[in-house]
N, C-alpha and C. Protein backbone atom coordinates (compact mmCIF):
# COMPACT_ATOMS: atom_id res chain seq x y z
N MET A 1 0.83 -1.13 0.04
CA MET A 1 -0.06 -0.03 0.06
C MET A 1 0.84 1.26 0.05
N GLU A 2 0.42 2.09 -0.86
CA GLU A 2 1.39 3.37 -0.92
C GLU A 2 1.23 4.01 0.24
N LYS A 3 2.14 4.99 0.78
CA LYS A 3 2.19 5.86 1.89
C LYS A 3 0.91 6.90 1.89
N GLU A 4 0.62 7.49 0.69
CA GLU A 4 -0.55 8.16 0.57
C GLU A 4 -1.84 7.80 0.97
N GLN A 5 -2.04 6.48 0.09
CA GLN A 5 -3.23 5.82 0.41
C GLN A 5 -3.36 5.36 1.80
N TYR A 6 -2.22 4.81 2.51
CA TYR A 6 -2.27 4.53 3.82
C TYR A 6 -2.85 5.74 4.77
N GLY A 7 -2.19 6.90 4.39
CA GLY A 7 -2.54 8.10 5.21
C GLY A 7 -3.98 8.41 5.27
N ILE A 8 -4.56 8.25 3.98
CA ILE A 8 -5.88 8.65 3.76
C ILE A 8 -6.96 7.57 4.59
N LEU A 9 -6.51 6.31 4.35
CA LEU A 9 -7.36 5.34 4.97
C LEU A 9 -7.27 5.44 6.33
N LYS A 10 -6.20 5.73 6.95
CA LYS A 10 -5.87 5.91 8.52
C LYS A 10 -6.89 7.10 8.88
N THR A 11 -6.79 8.20 8.16
CA THR A 11 -7.64 9.44 8.48
C THR A 11 -9.25 9.03 8.58
N ASP A 12 -9.54 8.31 7.58
CA ASP A 12 -10.92 7.87 7.26
C ASP A 12 -11.29 6.93 8.60
N PHE A 13 -10.40 5.92 9.00
CA PHE A 13 -10.76 5.34 10.12
C PHE A 13 -10.68 5.99 11.27
N LEU A 14 -9.91 6.81 11.72
CA LEU A 14 -9.99 7.56 12.85
C LEU A 14 -11.26 8.36 12.89
N LYS A 15 -11.86 8.90 11.82
CA LYS A 15 -13.06 9.72 11.80
C LYS A 15 -14.14 8.91 12.21
N ILE A 16 -14.10 7.46 11.59
CA ILE A 16 -15.18 6.64 11.82
C ILE A 16 -15.09 6.17 13.17
N TYR A 17 -14.02 5.74 13.58
CA TYR A 17 -13.79 5.25 14.95
C TYR A 17 -14.24 6.11 16.08
N ALA A 18 -14.23 7.42 15.99
CA ALA A 18 -14.52 8.51 16.92
C ALA A 18 -16.13 8.45 17.02
N ASN A 19 -16.66 8.06 16.04
CA ASN A 19 -18.26 8.15 15.92
C ASN A 19 -18.77 6.60 16.36
N ILE A 20 -17.91 5.85 16.73
CA ILE A 20 -18.45 4.50 17.20
C ILE A 20 -18.66 4.49 18.72
N PRO A 21 -19.98 4.09 19.11
CA PRO A 21 -20.13 4.21 20.50
C PRO A 21 -19.31 3.16 21.38
N SER A 22 -18.86 3.39 22.63
CA SER A 22 -18.06 2.83 23.29
C SER A 22 -18.38 1.37 23.43
N PRO A 23 -19.59 0.97 23.78
CA PRO A 23 -20.01 -0.39 23.81
C PRO A 23 -19.58 -1.29 22.66
N LEU A 24 -19.70 -0.81 21.53
CA LEU A 24 -19.47 -1.41 20.23
C LEU A 24 -18.03 -1.53 19.77
N ARG A 25 -17.41 -0.89 20.62
CA ARG A 25 -15.70 -0.81 20.28
C ARG A 25 -15.16 -2.15 20.62
N THR A 26 -15.92 -3.01 21.39
CA THR A 26 -15.46 -4.42 21.77
C THR A 26 -15.76 -5.48 20.71
N GLU A 27 -16.56 -5.07 19.82
CA GLU A 27 -17.08 -6.04 18.85
C GLU A 27 -15.89 -6.43 17.67
N ILE A 28 -15.99 -7.20 16.96
CA ILE A 28 -14.89 -7.56 16.04
C ILE A 28 -15.15 -6.75 14.88
N ALA A 29 -13.86 -6.19 14.50
CA ALA A 29 -14.06 -5.31 13.00
C ALA A 29 -13.16 -5.85 11.92
N ALA A 30 -12.20 -6.54 12.23
CA ALA A 30 -11.49 -7.37 11.32
C ALA A 30 -10.66 -8.60 11.69
N VAL A 31 -10.29 -9.56 10.85
CA VAL A 31 -9.72 -10.61 11.00
C VAL A 31 -8.42 -10.70 10.14
N ILE A 32 -7.29 -10.75 10.73
CA ILE A 32 -6.11 -10.57 9.99
C ILE A 32 -5.36 -12.02 10.47
N LYS A 33 -5.10 -12.81 9.27
CA LYS A 33 -4.29 -14.00 9.47
C LYS A 33 -4.88 -14.74 10.56
N GLY A 34 -6.36 -15.01 10.44
CA GLY A 34 -6.81 -15.68 11.63
C GLY A 34 -7.05 -15.10 13.03
N GLU A 35 -6.68 -14.09 13.16
CA GLU A 35 -6.70 -13.30 14.60
C GLU A 35 -7.76 -12.29 14.59
N PRO A 36 -8.66 -12.47 15.30
CA PRO A 36 -9.67 -11.41 15.42
C PRO A 36 -9.32 -9.98 16.33
N PHE A 37 -9.66 -8.77 15.51
CA PHE A 37 -9.43 -7.58 16.02
C PHE A 37 -10.70 -6.69 16.41
N SER A 38 -10.88 -6.40 17.53
CA SER A 38 -12.03 -5.41 17.90
C SER A 38 -11.64 -4.17 17.45
N TRP A 39 -12.79 -3.27 17.37
CA TRP A 39 -12.50 -1.88 16.67
C TRP A 39 -11.61 -1.37 17.59
N ALA A 40 -11.42 -1.33 19.01
CA ALA A 40 -10.33 -0.97 19.88
C ALA A 40 -9.04 -1.35 19.55
N ALA A 41 -8.93 -2.62 19.35
CA ALA A 41 -7.78 -3.22 18.89
C ALA A 41 -7.15 -2.78 17.63
N CYS A 42 -7.99 -2.41 16.55
CA CYS A 42 -7.69 -2.10 15.18
C CYS A 42 -7.13 -0.40 15.48
N ASN A 43 -7.98 0.21 16.46
CA ASN A 43 -7.31 1.67 16.70
C ASN A 43 -6.06 1.79 17.14
N ALA A 44 -5.77 0.81 18.16
CA ALA A 44 -4.65 0.69 18.52
C ALA A 44 -3.21 0.52 17.72
N GLU A 45 -3.57 -0.52 16.68
CA GLU A 45 -2.63 -1.00 15.78
C GLU A 45 -2.49 0.20 14.70
N ILE A 46 -3.58 0.85 14.30
CA ILE A 46 -3.54 1.83 13.34
C ILE A 46 -2.73 3.10 14.00
N GLU A 47 -3.22 3.61 15.10
CA GLU A 47 -2.67 4.72 15.74
C GLU A 47 -1.10 4.40 16.01
N HIS A 48 -0.69 3.34 16.09
CA HIS A 48 0.98 3.10 16.38
C HIS A 48 1.47 2.64 14.93
N ASP A 49 0.80 2.62 13.99
CA ASP A 49 1.39 2.26 12.58
C ASP A 49 2.10 1.04 12.59
N THR A 50 1.56 -0.13 13.18
CA THR A 50 2.20 -1.37 13.38
C THR A 50 2.09 -2.04 11.91
N GLU A 51 2.88 -3.25 11.97
CA GLU A 51 2.74 -3.95 10.48
C GLU A 51 1.50 -4.36 10.08
N LYS A 52 0.62 -4.68 11.19
CA LYS A 52 -0.81 -5.14 10.94
C LYS A 52 -1.76 -4.19 10.54
N ALA A 53 -1.50 -2.73 10.82
CA ALA A 53 -2.36 -1.68 10.56
C ALA A 53 -2.76 -1.69 9.00
N PRO A 54 -1.68 -1.60 7.92
CA PRO A 54 -2.20 -1.57 6.70
C PRO A 54 -2.90 -2.63 6.15
N LEU A 55 -2.89 -4.02 6.74
CA LEU A 55 -3.72 -5.16 6.55
C LEU A 55 -4.99 -4.97 6.99
N ILE A 56 -5.25 -4.29 8.11
CA ILE A 56 -6.52 -3.97 8.70
C ILE A 56 -7.27 -2.82 8.00
N LEU A 57 -6.48 -1.73 7.44
CA LEU A 57 -7.26 -0.96 6.74
C LEU A 57 -7.46 -1.38 5.41
N GLU A 58 -6.77 -2.18 4.57
CA GLU A 58 -7.15 -2.87 3.44
C GLU A 58 -8.19 -3.64 3.64
N GLN A 59 -8.55 -4.34 4.60
CA GLN A 59 -9.68 -5.34 4.89
C GLN A 59 -11.04 -4.51 5.08
N LEU A 60 -10.60 -3.56 5.93
CA LEU A 60 -11.79 -2.60 6.22
C LEU A 60 -12.34 -1.77 4.73
N LYS A 61 -11.32 -1.35 3.78
CA LYS A 61 -11.86 -0.90 2.54
C LYS A 61 -12.57 -1.69 1.81
N GLU A 62 -12.00 -3.13 1.81
CA GLU A 62 -12.46 -4.27 0.87
C GLU A 62 -14.11 -4.56 1.28
N VAL A 63 -14.26 -4.38 2.62
CA VAL A 63 -15.75 -4.72 3.10
C VAL A 63 -16.45 -3.20 3.00
N ASP A 64 -16.13 -2.46 2.43
CA ASP A 64 -16.68 -1.06 2.31
C ASP A 64 -17.24 -0.28 3.59
N VAL A 65 -16.32 -0.27 4.78
CA VAL A 65 -16.21 0.19 5.82
C VAL A 65 -15.62 1.61 5.62
N LEU A 66 -14.52 1.60 5.13
CA LEU A 66 -13.74 2.78 4.70
C LEU A 66 -14.10 3.13 3.31
């Protein structure tokens, strides 16, 4: 994923995450390599720009969340 596209998707995710009610943040949002990630876990991965962050963003884009 290109750096520019990553930045756009990251910004889009952070806007969406800010509007997710707290109780729903524990719900699974993505599954990467068989490992489920809640909205909160996705947020942590994306905020810290981990190696899984682009995979999470790509999956959320594929399912039209982003």
